[in-house]
N, C-alpha and C. Protein backbone atom coordinates (compact mmCIF):
# COMPACT_ATOMS: atom_id res chain seq x y z
N MET A 1 -30.90 19.02 -2.99
CA MET A 1 -30.30 17.72 -3.23
C MET A 1 -28.87 17.91 -3.71
N ILE A 2 -27.99 17.12 -3.15
CA ILE A 2 -26.59 17.17 -3.57
C ILE A 2 -26.33 15.95 -4.42
N GLY A 3 -25.77 16.17 -5.60
CA GLY A 3 -25.46 15.06 -6.49
C GLY A 3 -23.99 15.02 -6.82
N TYR A 4 -23.62 14.20 -7.76
CA TYR A 4 -22.24 14.04 -8.15
C TYR A 4 -21.89 14.81 -9.43
N VAL A 5 -22.87 15.44 -10.06
CA VAL A 5 -22.62 16.17 -11.30
C VAL A 5 -21.77 17.40 -11.00
N ASP A 6 -20.73 17.58 -11.79
CA ASP A 6 -19.84 18.75 -11.68
C ASP A 6 -19.11 18.88 -10.35
N VAL A 7 -19.03 17.83 -9.57
CA VAL A 7 -18.25 17.87 -8.34
C VAL A 7 -16.83 17.46 -8.69
N LYS A 8 -15.88 18.34 -8.46
CA LYS A 8 -14.48 18.08 -8.80
C LYS A 8 -13.71 17.67 -7.55
N THR A 9 -12.82 16.73 -7.71
CA THR A 9 -11.96 16.32 -6.61
C THR A 9 -10.52 16.39 -7.06
N SER A 10 -9.64 16.40 -6.09
CA SER A 10 -8.21 16.34 -6.41
C SER A 10 -7.83 14.89 -6.56
N PRO A 11 -7.18 14.50 -7.65
CA PRO A 11 -6.82 13.09 -7.83
C PRO A 11 -5.76 12.64 -6.83
N VAL A 12 -5.93 11.42 -6.34
CA VAL A 12 -4.96 10.81 -5.45
C VAL A 12 -4.75 9.39 -5.93
N PHE A 13 -3.56 9.10 -6.47
CA PHE A 13 -3.20 7.73 -6.79
C PHE A 13 -1.69 7.62 -6.92
N PHE A 14 -1.21 6.41 -6.61
CA PHE A 14 0.23 6.17 -6.66
C PHE A 14 0.52 4.79 -7.22
N TYR A 15 1.74 4.62 -7.71
CA TYR A 15 2.25 3.34 -8.19
C TYR A 15 3.71 3.28 -7.75
N ALA A 16 4.01 2.38 -6.80
CA ALA A 16 5.35 2.26 -6.23
C ALA A 16 5.93 0.88 -6.54
N GLN A 17 7.26 0.83 -6.74
CA GLN A 17 7.95 -0.43 -7.03
C GLN A 17 9.25 -0.52 -6.24
N LYS A 18 9.74 -1.75 -6.10
CA LYS A 18 11.05 -2.01 -5.51
C LYS A 18 12.01 -2.47 -6.61
N THR A 19 13.31 -2.34 -6.31
CA THR A 19 14.32 -2.80 -7.26
C THR A 19 15.32 -3.74 -6.60
N SER A 20 15.08 -4.09 -5.32
CA SER A 20 16.02 -4.98 -4.62
C SER A 20 15.28 -5.83 -3.59
N ARG A 21 15.92 -6.90 -3.19
CA ARG A 21 15.41 -7.83 -2.18
C ARG A 21 15.22 -7.08 -0.86
N PHE A 22 14.22 -7.55 -0.07
CA PHE A 22 13.98 -6.95 1.25
C PHE A 22 13.74 -8.05 2.25
N THR A 23 14.53 -8.08 3.34
CA THR A 23 14.43 -9.16 4.33
C THR A 23 14.44 -8.64 5.77
N THR A 24 14.24 -7.35 5.99
CA THR A 24 14.25 -6.80 7.34
C THR A 24 12.89 -7.02 7.99
N LEU A 25 12.83 -7.98 8.91
CA LEU A 25 11.55 -8.37 9.53
C LEU A 25 10.98 -7.26 10.39
N ASN A 26 9.65 -7.26 10.47
CA ASN A 26 8.89 -6.29 11.26
C ASN A 26 9.23 -4.85 10.90
N SER A 27 9.49 -4.63 9.62
CA SER A 27 9.81 -3.30 9.11
C SER A 27 8.88 -2.92 7.97
N VAL A 28 8.66 -1.62 7.85
CA VAL A 28 7.87 -1.10 6.74
C VAL A 28 8.66 -1.33 5.46
N ILE A 29 8.00 -1.82 4.44
CA ILE A 29 8.65 -2.07 3.15
C ILE A 29 8.85 -0.73 2.44
N PRO A 30 10.10 -0.34 2.21
CA PRO A 30 10.35 0.90 1.47
C PRO A 30 10.27 0.65 -0.03
N PHE A 31 10.07 1.71 -0.79
CA PHE A 31 9.97 1.59 -2.24
C PHE A 31 10.99 2.49 -2.91
N ASP A 32 11.74 1.93 -3.86
CA ASP A 32 12.78 2.67 -4.55
C ASP A 32 12.22 3.62 -5.60
N LEU A 33 11.13 3.21 -6.23
CA LEU A 33 10.57 3.97 -7.34
C LEU A 33 9.13 4.36 -7.09
N LEU A 34 8.83 5.63 -7.29
CA LEU A 34 7.44 6.09 -7.33
C LEU A 34 7.16 6.44 -8.78
N ARG A 35 6.57 5.50 -9.50
CA ARG A 35 6.28 5.70 -10.92
C ARG A 35 5.23 6.78 -11.13
N LEU A 36 4.32 6.87 -10.17
CA LEU A 36 3.23 7.83 -10.24
C LEU A 36 2.88 8.19 -8.80
N ASN A 37 2.62 9.47 -8.54
CA ASN A 37 2.30 9.89 -7.18
C ASN A 37 1.47 11.17 -7.21
N LEU A 38 0.31 11.11 -7.82
CA LEU A 38 -0.58 12.26 -7.87
C LEU A 38 -1.22 12.46 -6.50
N GLY A 39 -1.10 13.66 -5.98
CA GLY A 39 -1.59 13.96 -4.64
C GLY A 39 -0.48 13.92 -3.60
N ASN A 40 0.70 13.41 -3.99
CA ASN A 40 1.88 13.33 -3.09
C ASN A 40 1.57 12.70 -1.75
N ALA A 41 0.76 11.65 -1.74
CA ALA A 41 0.38 10.98 -0.50
C ALA A 41 1.28 9.81 -0.14
N MET A 42 2.04 9.29 -1.11
CA MET A 42 2.93 8.15 -0.88
C MET A 42 4.37 8.65 -0.88
N ASN A 43 5.21 8.01 -0.05
CA ASN A 43 6.63 8.35 -0.08
C ASN A 43 7.46 7.09 -0.16
N THR A 44 8.73 7.22 -0.49
CA THR A 44 9.59 6.04 -0.69
C THR A 44 9.84 5.27 0.60
N SER A 45 9.57 5.86 1.76
CA SER A 45 9.72 5.11 3.02
C SER A 45 8.63 4.06 3.17
N GLY A 46 7.57 4.14 2.34
CA GLY A 46 6.53 3.12 2.34
C GLY A 46 5.27 3.50 3.09
N ILE A 47 5.12 4.75 3.49
CA ILE A 47 3.94 5.19 4.23
C ILE A 47 3.06 6.05 3.31
N PHE A 48 1.78 5.67 3.23
CA PHE A 48 0.77 6.46 2.52
C PHE A 48 -0.01 7.25 3.56
N VAL A 49 -0.10 8.57 3.41
CA VAL A 49 -0.85 9.43 4.32
C VAL A 49 -2.03 10.00 3.55
N THR A 50 -3.23 9.73 4.02
CA THR A 50 -4.45 10.13 3.34
C THR A 50 -4.56 11.66 3.30
N PRO A 51 -4.55 12.25 2.09
CA PRO A 51 -4.64 13.70 1.98
C PRO A 51 -6.08 14.22 2.04
N THR A 52 -7.03 13.38 1.69
CA THR A 52 -8.43 13.77 1.66
C THR A 52 -9.29 12.57 2.07
N PRO A 53 -10.34 12.78 2.86
CA PRO A 53 -11.16 11.66 3.30
C PRO A 53 -11.93 11.04 2.15
N GLY A 54 -12.14 9.72 2.24
CA GLY A 54 -12.92 9.05 1.21
C GLY A 54 -12.68 7.56 1.18
N LYS A 55 -13.12 6.95 0.09
CA LYS A 55 -12.96 5.51 -0.11
C LYS A 55 -11.76 5.30 -1.03
N TYR A 56 -10.86 4.40 -0.61
CA TYR A 56 -9.62 4.15 -1.33
C TYR A 56 -9.49 2.67 -1.67
N PHE A 57 -8.75 2.40 -2.73
CA PHE A 57 -8.41 1.03 -3.12
C PHE A 57 -6.90 0.89 -3.08
N PHE A 58 -6.41 -0.23 -2.51
CA PHE A 58 -4.99 -0.55 -2.46
C PHE A 58 -4.77 -1.96 -2.97
N SER A 59 -3.66 -2.16 -3.67
CA SER A 59 -3.31 -3.49 -4.16
C SER A 59 -1.80 -3.67 -4.09
N TYR A 60 -1.40 -4.85 -3.60
CA TYR A 60 0.02 -5.19 -3.49
C TYR A 60 0.25 -6.52 -4.17
N SER A 61 1.37 -6.65 -4.88
CA SER A 61 1.80 -7.94 -5.40
C SER A 61 3.31 -8.02 -5.25
N GLY A 62 3.78 -9.22 -4.96
CA GLY A 62 5.21 -9.41 -4.76
C GLY A 62 5.61 -10.84 -5.04
N LEU A 63 6.88 -11.11 -4.82
CA LEU A 63 7.47 -12.42 -5.06
C LEU A 63 8.22 -12.83 -3.81
N SER A 64 7.88 -14.02 -3.26
CA SER A 64 8.57 -14.47 -2.06
C SER A 64 10.03 -14.80 -2.38
N HIS A 65 10.88 -14.64 -1.38
CA HIS A 65 12.31 -14.92 -1.50
C HIS A 65 12.52 -16.42 -1.71
N ALA A 66 13.54 -16.79 -2.45
CA ALA A 66 13.77 -18.19 -2.83
C ALA A 66 13.92 -19.13 -1.63
N ASN A 67 14.49 -18.66 -0.52
CA ASN A 67 14.73 -19.54 0.62
C ASN A 67 13.91 -19.19 1.85
N LEU A 68 13.03 -18.21 1.74
CA LEU A 68 12.26 -17.75 2.89
C LEU A 68 10.79 -17.63 2.55
N LEU A 69 9.94 -18.02 3.49
CA LEU A 69 8.52 -17.79 3.37
C LEU A 69 8.31 -16.28 3.38
N GLY A 70 7.44 -15.77 2.56
CA GLY A 70 7.15 -14.34 2.57
C GLY A 70 5.77 -14.08 3.14
N ARG A 71 5.69 -13.18 4.13
CA ARG A 71 4.38 -12.78 4.65
C ARG A 71 4.40 -11.26 4.82
N VAL A 72 3.49 -10.60 4.13
CA VAL A 72 3.38 -9.15 4.15
C VAL A 72 2.01 -8.78 4.70
N GLU A 73 1.98 -7.80 5.61
CA GLU A 73 0.73 -7.32 6.18
C GLU A 73 0.43 -5.91 5.68
N LEU A 74 -0.82 -5.67 5.31
CA LEU A 74 -1.29 -4.32 5.03
C LEU A 74 -1.83 -3.80 6.35
N GLN A 75 -1.30 -2.66 6.81
CA GLN A 75 -1.68 -2.11 8.10
C GLN A 75 -2.18 -0.69 7.96
N MET A 76 -3.05 -0.30 8.93
CA MET A 76 -3.64 1.04 8.92
C MET A 76 -3.47 1.67 10.29
N TRP A 77 -3.17 2.97 10.29
CA TRP A 77 -3.10 3.77 11.51
C TRP A 77 -4.13 4.87 11.40
N THR A 78 -4.89 5.10 12.47
CA THR A 78 -5.84 6.21 12.51
C THR A 78 -5.62 6.98 13.80
N ALA A 79 -6.29 8.12 13.92
CA ALA A 79 -6.18 8.92 15.14
C ALA A 79 -6.72 8.16 16.34
N ALA A 80 -7.62 7.20 16.11
CA ALA A 80 -8.24 6.45 17.20
C ALA A 80 -7.54 5.11 17.50
N THR A 81 -6.73 4.61 16.57
CA THR A 81 -6.10 3.31 16.76
C THR A 81 -4.64 3.36 16.34
N ASP A 82 -3.84 2.50 16.98
CA ASP A 82 -2.46 2.33 16.54
C ASP A 82 -2.50 1.43 15.30
N TRP A 83 -1.35 1.00 14.82
CA TRP A 83 -1.30 0.18 13.61
C TRP A 83 -2.08 -1.11 13.80
N VAL A 84 -3.06 -1.36 12.92
CA VAL A 84 -3.85 -2.59 12.94
C VAL A 84 -3.72 -3.29 11.59
N LYS A 85 -3.74 -4.61 11.63
CA LYS A 85 -3.63 -5.40 10.40
C LYS A 85 -4.97 -5.40 9.69
N ILE A 86 -4.94 -5.05 8.40
CA ILE A 86 -6.13 -5.06 7.55
C ILE A 86 -6.21 -6.37 6.77
N GLY A 87 -5.06 -6.87 6.33
CA GLY A 87 -4.99 -8.11 5.57
C GLY A 87 -3.55 -8.55 5.44
N GLN A 88 -3.35 -9.75 4.91
CA GLN A 88 -1.99 -10.23 4.71
C GLN A 88 -1.91 -11.12 3.49
N ALA A 89 -0.68 -11.23 2.98
CA ALA A 89 -0.41 -12.06 1.81
C ALA A 89 0.74 -12.99 2.16
N PHE A 90 0.66 -14.24 1.67
CA PHE A 90 1.68 -15.25 1.94
C PHE A 90 2.30 -15.74 0.65
N GLY A 91 3.60 -16.00 0.69
CA GLY A 91 4.29 -16.69 -0.38
C GLY A 91 4.98 -17.91 0.21
N SER A 92 5.29 -18.91 -0.57
CA SER A 92 5.90 -20.13 -0.06
C SER A 92 7.41 -19.98 0.05
N VAL A 93 8.08 -21.02 0.55
CA VAL A 93 9.53 -21.02 0.70
C VAL A 93 10.22 -20.99 -0.65
N SER A 94 9.57 -21.49 -1.67
CA SER A 94 10.11 -21.34 -3.02
C SER A 94 9.64 -20.00 -3.58
N VAL A 95 10.23 -19.58 -4.67
CA VAL A 95 9.83 -18.32 -5.28
C VAL A 95 8.39 -18.44 -5.76
N GLN A 96 7.51 -17.57 -5.22
CA GLN A 96 6.10 -17.64 -5.55
C GLN A 96 5.49 -16.24 -5.46
N THR A 97 4.57 -15.93 -6.37
CA THR A 97 3.89 -14.65 -6.31
C THR A 97 2.82 -14.68 -5.22
N PHE A 98 2.58 -13.53 -4.64
CA PHE A 98 1.50 -13.39 -3.69
C PHE A 98 0.97 -11.97 -3.76
N SER A 99 -0.30 -11.78 -3.33
CA SER A 99 -0.91 -10.46 -3.47
C SER A 99 -2.01 -10.25 -2.44
N LEU A 100 -2.42 -9.00 -2.30
CA LEU A 100 -3.57 -8.67 -1.47
C LEU A 100 -4.17 -7.37 -1.98
N GLN A 101 -5.46 -7.19 -1.72
CA GLN A 101 -6.18 -6.00 -2.13
C GLN A 101 -7.10 -5.58 -1.00
N ALA A 102 -7.43 -4.28 -0.95
CA ALA A 102 -8.35 -3.79 0.08
C ALA A 102 -9.02 -2.51 -0.40
N ASN A 103 -10.30 -2.39 -0.06
CA ASN A 103 -11.04 -1.14 -0.20
C ASN A 103 -11.27 -0.62 1.21
N LEU A 104 -10.90 0.64 1.47
CA LEU A 104 -10.98 1.18 2.82
C LEU A 104 -11.59 2.57 2.81
N LYS A 105 -12.35 2.88 3.85
CA LYS A 105 -12.85 4.24 4.07
C LYS A 105 -11.87 4.90 5.03
N LEU A 106 -11.23 5.97 4.58
CA LEU A 106 -10.18 6.61 5.36
C LEU A 106 -10.50 8.07 5.62
N ALA A 107 -10.05 8.55 6.78
CA ALA A 107 -10.17 9.96 7.14
C ALA A 107 -8.86 10.66 6.77
N LYS A 108 -8.90 11.97 6.68
CA LYS A 108 -7.69 12.73 6.39
C LYS A 108 -6.67 12.46 7.49
N GLY A 109 -5.42 12.14 7.09
CA GLY A 109 -4.35 11.87 8.04
C GLY A 109 -4.17 10.40 8.39
N ASP A 110 -5.14 9.54 8.05
CA ASP A 110 -4.96 8.10 8.27
C ASP A 110 -3.76 7.63 7.45
N GLN A 111 -3.10 6.57 7.92
CA GLN A 111 -1.91 6.09 7.23
C GLN A 111 -2.04 4.61 6.89
N ILE A 112 -1.42 4.24 5.78
CA ILE A 112 -1.39 2.87 5.29
C ILE A 112 0.06 2.49 5.05
N ARG A 113 0.42 1.24 5.40
CA ARG A 113 1.77 0.75 5.15
C ARG A 113 1.74 -0.75 4.91
N LEU A 114 2.82 -1.25 4.32
CA LEU A 114 3.05 -2.69 4.18
C LEU A 114 4.20 -3.05 5.11
N LEU A 115 4.02 -4.08 5.91
CA LEU A 115 5.02 -4.52 6.86
C LEU A 115 5.47 -5.93 6.50
N LEU A 116 6.78 -6.15 6.45
CA LEU A 116 7.29 -7.51 6.24
C LEU A 116 7.24 -8.23 7.58
N ALA A 117 6.30 -9.16 7.72
CA ALA A 117 6.08 -9.85 8.99
C ALA A 117 6.89 -11.14 9.11
N GLU A 118 7.24 -11.72 7.97
CA GLU A 118 7.96 -13.00 8.00
C GLU A 118 8.70 -13.19 6.69
N GLY A 119 9.89 -13.80 6.74
CA GLY A 119 10.63 -14.17 5.54
C GLY A 119 11.23 -13.00 4.79
N GLY A 120 10.98 -12.95 3.49
CA GLY A 120 11.54 -11.90 2.67
C GLY A 120 10.82 -11.82 1.34
N ILE A 121 11.04 -10.70 0.65
CA ILE A 121 10.50 -10.54 -0.68
C ILE A 121 11.66 -10.36 -1.66
N GLU A 122 11.52 -10.98 -2.79
CA GLU A 122 12.55 -10.96 -3.83
C GLU A 122 12.25 -9.82 -4.79
N ASP A 123 13.30 -9.16 -5.24
CA ASP A 123 13.13 -8.15 -6.27
C ASP A 123 14.47 -7.80 -6.89
N ASP A 124 14.40 -7.24 -8.09
CA ASP A 124 15.58 -6.75 -8.80
C ASP A 124 15.08 -5.77 -9.85
N ALA A 125 15.83 -5.55 -10.88
CA ALA A 125 15.45 -4.58 -11.92
C ALA A 125 14.19 -4.99 -12.70
N ASN A 126 13.69 -6.22 -12.47
CA ASN A 126 12.46 -6.66 -13.13
C ASN A 126 11.19 -6.17 -12.41
N HIS A 127 11.33 -5.62 -11.22
CA HIS A 127 10.21 -5.01 -10.47
C HIS A 127 9.07 -5.99 -10.18
N TYR A 128 9.35 -6.99 -9.38
CA TYR A 128 8.32 -7.96 -8.99
C TYR A 128 7.38 -7.41 -7.93
N THR A 129 7.82 -6.42 -7.17
CA THR A 129 7.04 -5.86 -6.08
C THR A 129 6.35 -4.58 -6.55
N ASN A 130 5.03 -4.58 -6.47
CA ASN A 130 4.24 -3.44 -6.91
C ASN A 130 3.19 -3.11 -5.86
N PHE A 131 3.02 -1.83 -5.58
CA PHE A 131 2.03 -1.35 -4.62
C PHE A 131 1.33 -0.16 -5.25
N VAL A 132 0.01 -0.26 -5.36
CA VAL A 132 -0.78 0.83 -5.95
C VAL A 132 -1.91 1.21 -5.01
N GLY A 133 -2.32 2.46 -5.11
CA GLY A 133 -3.46 2.94 -4.33
C GLY A 133 -4.11 4.08 -5.06
N GLN A 134 -5.43 4.23 -4.84
CA GLN A 134 -6.12 5.34 -5.48
C GLN A 134 -7.37 5.71 -4.71
N LEU A 135 -7.69 6.99 -4.79
CA LEU A 135 -8.93 7.51 -4.23
C LEU A 135 -10.06 7.13 -5.19
N LEU A 136 -11.04 6.39 -4.68
CA LEU A 136 -12.18 6.00 -5.50
C LEU A 136 -13.29 7.04 -5.44
N GLU A 137 -13.53 7.52 -4.22
CA GLU A 137 -14.62 8.48 -4.02
C GLU A 137 -14.30 9.36 -2.82
N GLU A 138 -14.24 10.65 -3.05
CA GLU A 138 -13.94 11.61 -1.98
C GLU A 138 -15.20 11.86 -1.15
N ASP A 139 -15.04 11.96 0.17
CA ASP A 139 -16.14 12.36 1.05
C ASP A 139 -16.22 13.88 0.98
N ILE A 140 -17.28 14.40 0.37
CA ILE A 140 -17.38 15.85 0.21
C ILE A 140 -18.17 16.49 1.34
N ILE A 141 -18.90 15.70 2.10
CA ILE A 141 -19.65 16.21 3.25
C ILE A 141 -19.04 15.61 4.51
N GLN A 142 -18.56 16.46 5.38
CA GLN A 142 -17.92 15.98 6.62
C GLN A 142 -18.89 15.96 7.77
């Protein structure tokens, strides 16, 4: 019997933030700050590459631009599929917070990104845009 006692995994989690407005449509949202990046799976270009297979949690929160509707998509790329939308978050034309969360089973090498699909996201030194991810449970049997 295989159990979970004394099974060690390599930690994978990140916390990324922006420090400026972003309005480039159909583009991956880049991040200025990586506050935490254990496992080195996230980079400032905005792409998370799965270092180890398992179940992951991702959460995004942001602030829509004052004059533009904000729509952000969480997308996934795998060896079997091109970029597919997992979920999306909307903000109104006025400044409004919006968020999305997802639990995903990922294989090694799968990629996750946030794409600005519409409008813009507001940010400055107050860090309204936050993206976090973490490995919840590693797949130890392949």
